[in-house]
């Protein structure tokens, strides 16, 4: 928390000093830059698509999407690369943010169980009394974990959610026995599954698996920003959309190996072949054009309404949680 506060204060000073005009610096928070679900942002940076638009984009990584959102609301970033469900959650809390470019139509997440617990946890029905890893409290992984449990008549109060972040910190928590099961994304999931440290419980890495588990497409990774900022900085938003839609097109027209060749080697976590394999298996989750699927927001609202009392009490206007204006113009 102290690190986050210090970063926010420093970033606020930077934002105050830098005019938000086209061609000048922009700060985007990413809820875990190494996650495959956020690849379009990495590719737009590495392939020079932001520069082509005259933008100097600085991407800063946080361990969870909820932490990235906090930085945005503090005024220390222009936008977030995170999960779409935060736009609904924030509207229920009186905040207005919108998804501008939709990256994925599936969460790209998996629920895994520690190998030592595989005989005792065979489905979310067995979550009661277990320590369940999520990236952060109030994160998208916490919403999804609670929803999967609710399908087996468990309430959020029946669960013990443990914030462990992502990547290596998630792996360490599972190895050390601090969590019995948990939700994580690629490439972390494949690292655990390939070594036998964890077993697959619920797969949300493809549109087909997501529809089976959640009852519909589930738009997840996206670029979102505060609505009042968006209304006053349409030119910058359009340039961001142009770059990210081009990155999504790159993903749709290139193989997993060709895509992996463009990311920082540290993203492989020491196993490039496994990284390529996991990306090839879940590449169908990416949209080719950044457009929100028309049926997707309702699925997300259904999930959040089941586990989030604020969302349940409020009349959510889904049309205010996303816009396709900028991606349509980019196409």
Protein backbone atom coordinates (compact mmCIF):
# COMPACT_ATOMS: atom_id res chain seq x y z
CA UNK A 1 0.00 0.00 0.00
CA UNK A 2 2.83 2.43 0.86
CA UNK A 3 4.49 1.65 -2.48
CA UNK A 4 1.23 2.27 -4.33
CA UNK A 5 0.60 5.58 -2.52
CA UNK A 6 4.12 6.79 -3.28
CA UNK A 7 3.73 5.83 -6.91
CA UNK A 8 0.37 7.61 -7.16
CA UNK A 9 1.79 10.81 -5.66
CA UNK A 10 4.71 10.75 -8.06
CA UNK A 11 2.50 10.03 -11.04
CA UNK A 12 0.09 12.81 -10.06
CA UNK A 13 3.00 15.22 -10.10
CA UNK A 14 3.99 13.94 -13.53
CA UNK A 15 0.47 14.27 -14.89
CA UNK A 16 0.22 17.79 -13.54
CA UNK A 17 3.43 18.70 -15.33
CA UNK A 18 2.55 17.09 -18.68
CA UNK A 19 -0.32 18.59 -20.71
CA UNK A 20 -2.69 15.92 -22.02
CA UNK A 21 -2.37 16.88 -25.66
CA UNK A 22 -2.04 14.57 -28.66
CA UNK A 23 1.55 13.55 -29.23
CA UNK A 24 2.59 13.97 -25.62
CA UNK A 25 3.05 11.48 -22.82
CA UNK A 26 0.23 9.28 -21.60
CA UNK A 27 0.30 6.94 -18.61
CA UNK A 28 -1.60 3.66 -18.80
CA UNK A 29 -1.86 1.29 -15.85
CA UNK A 30 -1.83 -2.44 -16.61
CA UNK A 31 -3.15 -5.03 -14.17
CA UNK A 32 -0.16 -7.32 -14.73
CA UNK A 33 1.74 -6.55 -17.94
CA UNK A 34 3.05 -10.11 -18.31
CA UNK A 35 -0.42 -11.64 -18.59
CA UNK A 36 -1.31 -12.95 -22.02
CA UNK A 37 -4.79 -11.40 -21.81
CA UNK A 38 -3.12 -7.98 -22.02
CA UNK A 39 -0.91 -8.81 -25.02
CA UNK A 40 -2.44 -6.14 -27.32
CA UNK A 41 -0.98 -3.40 -25.11
CA UNK A 42 2.47 -4.98 -25.09
CA UNK A 43 2.39 -5.47 -28.86
CA UNK A 44 1.20 -1.92 -29.53
CA UNK A 45 4.20 -0.70 -27.54
CA UNK A 46 6.79 -3.13 -28.92
CA UNK A 47 5.70 -2.86 -32.56
CA UNK A 48 5.65 0.93 -32.47
CA UNK A 49 1.92 1.35 -33.04
CA UNK A 50 1.60 3.98 -30.32
CA UNK A 51 4.48 5.94 -31.83
CA UNK A 52 2.83 5.76 -35.25
CA UNK A 53 -0.10 7.61 -33.70
CA UNK A 54 2.17 10.28 -32.25
CA UNK A 55 1.72 9.01 -28.71
CA UNK A 56 4.40 8.55 -26.06
CA UNK A 57 2.77 5.88 -23.91
CA UNK A 58 4.26 4.87 -20.57
CA UNK A 59 2.78 1.62 -19.30
CA UNK A 60 3.03 0.91 -15.59
CA UNK A 61 2.20 -2.53 -14.17
CA UNK A 62 0.30 -3.36 -11.00
CA UNK A 63 -0.20 -6.85 -9.58
CA UNK A 64 -4.00 -6.67 -9.87
CA UNK A 65 -6.65 -4.87 -11.85
CA UNK A 66 -8.23 -3.38 -8.75
CA UNK A 67 -4.91 -1.69 -7.86
CA UNK A 68 -4.66 -0.28 -11.38
CA UNK A 69 -8.18 1.09 -11.07
CA UNK A 70 -7.29 2.83 -7.81
CA UNK A 71 -4.46 4.64 -9.59
CA UNK A 72 -6.83 5.76 -12.36
CA UNK A 73 -9.40 7.10 -9.90
CA UNK A 74 -6.65 8.94 -8.03
CA UNK A 75 -5.97 10.89 -11.23
CA UNK A 76 -2.50 9.42 -11.67
CA UNK A 77 -3.13 7.65 -14.99
CA UNK A 78 -5.04 8.38 -18.16
CA UNK A 79 -6.37 4.87 -18.72
CA UNK A 80 -6.24 1.27 -17.53
CA UNK A 81 -5.65 -2.01 -19.32
CA UNK A 82 -7.81 -4.23 -17.13
CA UNK A 83 -11.07 -6.14 -16.88
CA UNK A 84 -14.36 -4.84 -18.25
CA UNK A 85 -16.29 -5.87 -15.13
CA UNK A 86 -14.72 -2.95 -13.24
CA UNK A 87 -16.79 -0.55 -15.35
CA UNK A 88 -19.96 -2.15 -13.94
CA UNK A 89 -18.66 -2.36 -10.40
CA UNK A 90 -17.59 1.28 -10.47
CA UNK A 91 -20.94 2.45 -11.86
CA UNK A 92 -22.61 0.78 -8.88
CA UNK A 93 -20.31 2.88 -6.68
CA UNK A 94 -21.15 6.14 -8.43
CA UNK A 95 -18.11 6.27 -10.74
CA UNK A 96 -18.30 6.39 -14.53
CA UNK A 97 -15.68 4.61 -16.64
CA UNK A 98 -16.00 3.10 -20.11
CA UNK A 99 -14.35 0.32 -22.07
CA UNK A 100 -13.03 1.84 -25.30
CA UNK A 101 -11.24 -1.16 -26.86
CA UNK A 102 -12.32 -4.71 -26.02
CA UNK A 103 -9.40 -7.17 -26.11
CA UNK A 104 -11.02 -10.48 -25.16
CA UNK A 105 -14.41 -12.21 -25.11
CA UNK A 106 -13.35 -14.73 -22.45
CA UNK A 107 -11.60 -14.13 -19.12
CA UNK A 108 -8.50 -16.12 -20.08
CA UNK A 109 -8.43 -17.31 -16.47
CA UNK A 110 -8.40 -20.77 -14.91
CA UNK A 111 -9.29 -22.03 -11.47
CA UNK A 112 -6.56 -24.43 -10.37
CA UNK A 113 -6.26 -26.58 -7.26
CA UNK A 114 -2.99 -27.46 -5.57
CA UNK A 115 -1.99 -31.04 -6.38
CA UNK A 116 -1.92 -31.87 -2.66
CA UNK A 117 -5.61 -30.84 -2.42
CA UNK A 118 -6.87 -32.39 -5.66
CA UNK A 119 -8.53 -35.28 -3.84
CA UNK A 120 -10.46 -32.93 -1.57
CA UNK A 121 -11.41 -30.16 -4.01
CA UNK A 122 -13.00 -31.58 -7.13
CA UNK A 123 -15.25 -28.62 -8.01
CA UNK A 124 -16.20 -25.17 -6.66
CA UNK A 125 -18.72 -26.98 -4.48
CA UNK A 126 -15.76 -27.86 -2.24
CA UNK A 127 -14.59 -24.26 -1.71
CA UNK A 128 -16.09 -23.84 1.76
CA UNK A 129 -13.35 -23.73 4.38
CA UNK A 130 -10.55 -23.50 1.80
CA UNK A 131 -8.12 -20.65 1.16
CA UNK A 132 -8.75 -19.41 -2.37
CA UNK A 133 -6.16 -17.30 -4.17
CA UNK A 134 -7.23 -14.18 -6.09
CA UNK A 135 -5.16 -11.31 -7.45
CA UNK A 136 -6.76 -8.85 -5.04
CA UNK A 137 -9.88 -8.34 -2.95
CA UNK A 138 -12.51 -6.73 -5.16
CA UNK A 139 -10.66 -7.95 -8.25
CA UNK A 140 -12.18 -9.64 -11.28
CA UNK A 141 -10.75 -12.97 -10.11
CA UNK A 142 -12.59 -12.56 -6.81
CA UNK A 143 -15.88 -11.87 -8.62
CA UNK A 144 -15.48 -14.94 -10.84
CA UNK A 145 -14.40 -17.18 -7.95
CA UNK A 146 -17.44 -16.19 -5.93
CA UNK A 147 -19.74 -16.71 -8.91
CA UNK A 148 -18.42 -20.21 -9.60
CA UNK A 149 -19.06 -21.03 -5.94
CA UNK A 150 -22.58 -19.55 -6.12
CA UNK A 151 -23.44 -22.05 -8.86
CA UNK A 152 -23.02 -24.67 -6.14
CA UNK A 153 -25.16 -22.79 -3.60
CA UNK A 154 -22.24 -21.23 -1.72
CA UNK A 155 -22.40 -17.61 -0.58
CA UNK A 156 -19.52 -15.11 -0.64
CA UNK A 157 -19.48 -15.32 3.16
CA UNK A 158 -18.72 -19.06 2.86
CA UNK A 159 -15.43 -18.34 1.09
CA UNK A 160 -11.98 -17.28 2.27
CA UNK A 161 -10.37 -15.20 -0.45
CA UNK A 162 -6.63 -14.59 -0.15
CA UNK A 163 -5.05 -11.79 -2.24
CA UNK A 164 -1.81 -13.18 -3.68
CA UNK A 165 -1.28 -11.19 -6.87
CA UNK A 166 -0.30 -12.91 -10.08
CA UNK A 167 2.69 -14.58 -11.71
CA UNK A 168 5.41 -15.79 -9.38
CA UNK A 169 3.66 -14.53 -6.25
CA UNK A 170 0.65 -16.72 -7.07
CA UNK A 171 2.91 -19.73 -7.69
CA UNK A 172 4.74 -19.14 -4.41
CA UNK A 173 1.46 -18.95 -2.47
CA UNK A 174 0.35 -22.30 -3.91
CA UNK A 175 3.72 -23.96 -3.28
CA UNK A 176 3.90 -22.70 0.29
CA UNK A 177 0.39 -23.88 1.14
CA UNK A 178 -1.00 -20.39 1.74
CA UNK A 179 -3.77 -21.14 -0.75
CA UNK A 180 -5.48 -24.43 -1.58
CA UNK A 181 -6.82 -23.32 -4.95
CA UNK A 182 -6.96 -20.10 -6.90
CA UNK A 183 -7.68 -18.24 -10.11
CA UNK A 184 -4.87 -17.15 -12.39
CA UNK A 185 -4.17 -16.50 -16.04
CA UNK A 186 -1.59 -17.45 -18.63
CA UNK A 187 1.31 -18.03 -18.65
CA UNK A 188 1.12 -18.74 -14.89
CA UNK A 189 -1.57 -21.40 -15.27
CA UNK A 190 0.41 -23.50 -17.74
CA UNK A 191 3.54 -23.23 -15.61
CA UNK A 192 1.69 -24.82 -12.69
CA UNK A 193 -0.19 -27.41 -14.73
CA UNK A 194 2.84 -28.55 -16.75
CA UNK A 195 4.91 -29.24 -13.63
CA UNK A 196 2.13 -31.10 -11.85
CA UNK A 197 1.97 -28.59 -9.01
CA UNK A 198 -1.69 -27.90 -9.75
CA UNK A 199 -4.71 -29.52 -11.37
CA UNK A 200 -7.25 -27.81 -13.61
CA UNK A 201 -10.63 -27.18 -11.98
CA UNK A 202 -12.43 -24.65 -14.22
CA UNK A 203 -11.20 -23.44 -17.62
CA UNK A 204 -12.16 -19.95 -18.84
CA UNK A 205 -9.44 -19.53 -21.48
CA UNK A 206 -11.54 -19.86 -24.63
CA UNK A 207 -14.96 -18.56 -25.73
CA UNK A 208 -16.31 -22.12 -25.91
CA UNK A 209 -15.19 -23.05 -22.40
CA UNK A 210 -16.46 -19.72 -21.06
CA UNK A 211 -19.92 -20.15 -22.56
CA UNK A 212 -20.12 -23.59 -20.97
CA UNK A 213 -19.06 -22.35 -17.53
CA UNK A 214 -20.71 -18.92 -17.40
CA UNK A 215 -23.58 -19.23 -19.85
CA UNK A 216 -22.31 -16.76 -22.44
CA UNK A 217 -19.39 -14.77 -23.77
CA UNK A 218 -17.62 -12.84 -21.05
CA UNK A 219 -15.80 -9.71 -22.27
CA UNK A 220 -12.79 -9.28 -20.03
CA UNK A 221 -9.51 -7.56 -20.90
CA UNK A 222 -9.97 -4.08 -22.34
CA UNK A 223 -8.79 -0.47 -22.37
CA UNK A 224 -10.98 1.66 -20.12
CA UNK A 225 -10.91 5.26 -18.93
CA UNK A 226 -12.99 7.70 -16.96
CA UNK A 227 -15.96 8.97 -18.96
CA UNK A 228 -15.38 12.66 -18.17
CA UNK A 229 -11.75 12.39 -19.31
CA UNK A 230 -12.82 10.55 -22.46
CA UNK A 231 -15.33 13.24 -23.40
CA UNK A 232 -12.62 15.93 -23.25
CA UNK A 233 -9.82 13.95 -24.92
CA UNK A 234 -11.42 12.24 -27.87
CA UNK A 235 -8.38 12.68 -30.10
CA UNK A 236 -6.08 10.85 -27.68
CA UNK A 237 -8.68 8.11 -27.20
CA UNK A 238 -8.96 7.63 -30.95
CA UNK A 239 -5.18 7.34 -31.33
CA UNK A 240 -5.05 4.74 -28.56
CA UNK A 241 -7.87 2.82 -30.23
CA UNK A 242 -6.11 2.96 -33.60
CA UNK A 243 -2.93 1.48 -32.12
CA UNK A 244 -4.65 -1.24 -30.09
CA UNK A 245 -6.97 -2.33 -32.90
CA UNK A 246 -3.90 -2.68 -35.10
CA UNK A 247 -2.31 -4.86 -32.38
CA UNK A 248 -5.43 -7.04 -32.24
CA UNK A 249 -5.27 -7.43 -36.01
CA UNK A 250 -1.64 -8.53 -35.64
CA UNK A 251 -2.74 -11.22 -33.17
CA UNK A 252 -5.52 -12.46 -35.46
CA UNK A 253 -3.22 -12.71 -38.49
CA UNK A 254 -0.08 -14.20 -36.90
CA UNK A 255 0.78 -17.49 -35.24
CA UNK A 256 1.40 -17.85 -31.53
CA UNK A 257 5.13 -18.28 -32.24
CA UNK A 258 5.24 -15.09 -34.31
CA UNK A 259 3.40 -13.18 -31.58
CA UNK A 260 5.67 -14.55 -28.84
CA UNK A 261 8.71 -13.36 -30.78
CA UNK A 262 7.55 -9.78 -30.20
CA UNK A 263 7.17 -9.86 -26.40
CA UNK A 264 9.91 -9.35 -23.79
CA UNK A 265 11.77 -12.63 -23.12
CA UNK A 266 11.06 -12.34 -19.40
CA UNK A 267 7.39 -12.95 -20.19
CA UNK A 268 8.30 -16.56 -21.03
CA UNK A 269 9.30 -17.22 -17.39
CA UNK A 270 12.13 -19.42 -18.66
CA UNK A 271 10.03 -21.60 -20.98
CA UNK A 272 9.36 -20.10 -24.39
CA UNK A 273 7.87 -23.30 -25.83
CA UNK A 274 5.30 -23.49 -23.03
CA UNK A 275 4.43 -19.82 -23.51
CA UNK A 276 3.81 -20.38 -27.24
CA UNK A 277 1.77 -23.50 -26.54
CA UNK A 278 -0.50 -21.79 -24.01
CA UNK A 279 -1.00 -18.80 -26.31
CA UNK A 280 -1.89 -21.04 -29.25
CA UNK A 281 -4.50 -22.83 -27.16
CA UNK A 282 -6.24 -19.64 -25.98
CA UNK A 283 -5.66 -17.19 -28.86
CA UNK A 284 -9.33 -17.47 -29.85
CA UNK A 285 -10.25 -15.35 -26.82
CA UNK A 286 -8.98 -12.17 -28.56
CA UNK A 287 -11.31 -10.01 -30.61
CA UNK A 288 -10.00 -9.24 -34.12
CA UNK A 289 -11.20 -5.65 -34.04
CA UNK A 290 -11.73 -4.44 -30.47
CA UNK A 291 -15.53 -4.49 -30.72
CA UNK A 292 -17.63 -5.41 -27.69
CA UNK A 293 -19.80 -8.49 -28.42
CA UNK A 294 -23.43 -7.42 -28.11
CA UNK A 295 -24.35 -10.29 -25.77
CA UNK A 296 -21.27 -9.96 -23.54
CA UNK A 297 -22.12 -7.13 -21.12
CA UNK A 298 -25.32 -8.89 -19.98
CA UNK A 299 -23.31 -11.99 -19.01
CA UNK A 300 -20.92 -9.90 -16.95
CA UNK A 301 -23.81 -8.08 -15.26
CA UNK A 302 -25.40 -11.45 -14.41
CA UNK A 303 -22.19 -12.63 -12.77
CA UNK A 304 -21.62 -9.44 -10.78
CA UNK A 305 -25.25 -9.22 -9.69
CA UNK A 306 -24.94 -12.67 -8.16
CA UNK A 307 -21.95 -11.78 -5.97
CA UNK A 308 -21.84 -7.99 -5.62
CA UNK A 309 -24.57 -6.45 -3.47
CA UNK A 310 -23.87 -2.92 -4.75
CA UNK A 311 -24.43 -4.02 -8.35
CA UNK A 312 -27.53 -5.94 -7.34
CA UNK A 313 -29.09 -2.90 -5.66
CA UNK A 314 -28.34 -0.42 -8.46
CA UNK A 315 -29.97 -0.08 -11.83
CA UNK A 316 -26.92 -0.55 -14.05
CA UNK A 317 -26.98 1.13 -17.47
CA UNK A 318 -24.77 -1.15 -19.55
CA UNK A 319 -24.74 1.31 -22.45
CA UNK A 320 -22.71 3.65 -20.24
CA UNK A 321 -20.03 1.02 -19.50
CA UNK A 322 -18.55 0.79 -23.01
CA UNK A 323 -18.42 2.49 -26.38
CA UNK A 324 -17.68 1.10 -29.84
CA UNK A 325 -17.31 4.54 -31.42
CA UNK A 326 -13.53 4.62 -31.43
CA UNK A 327 -12.91 1.05 -32.59
CA UNK A 328 -15.45 1.47 -35.37
CA UNK A 329 -13.55 4.56 -36.52
CA UNK A 330 -10.25 2.68 -36.22
CA UNK A 331 -11.54 -0.07 -38.51
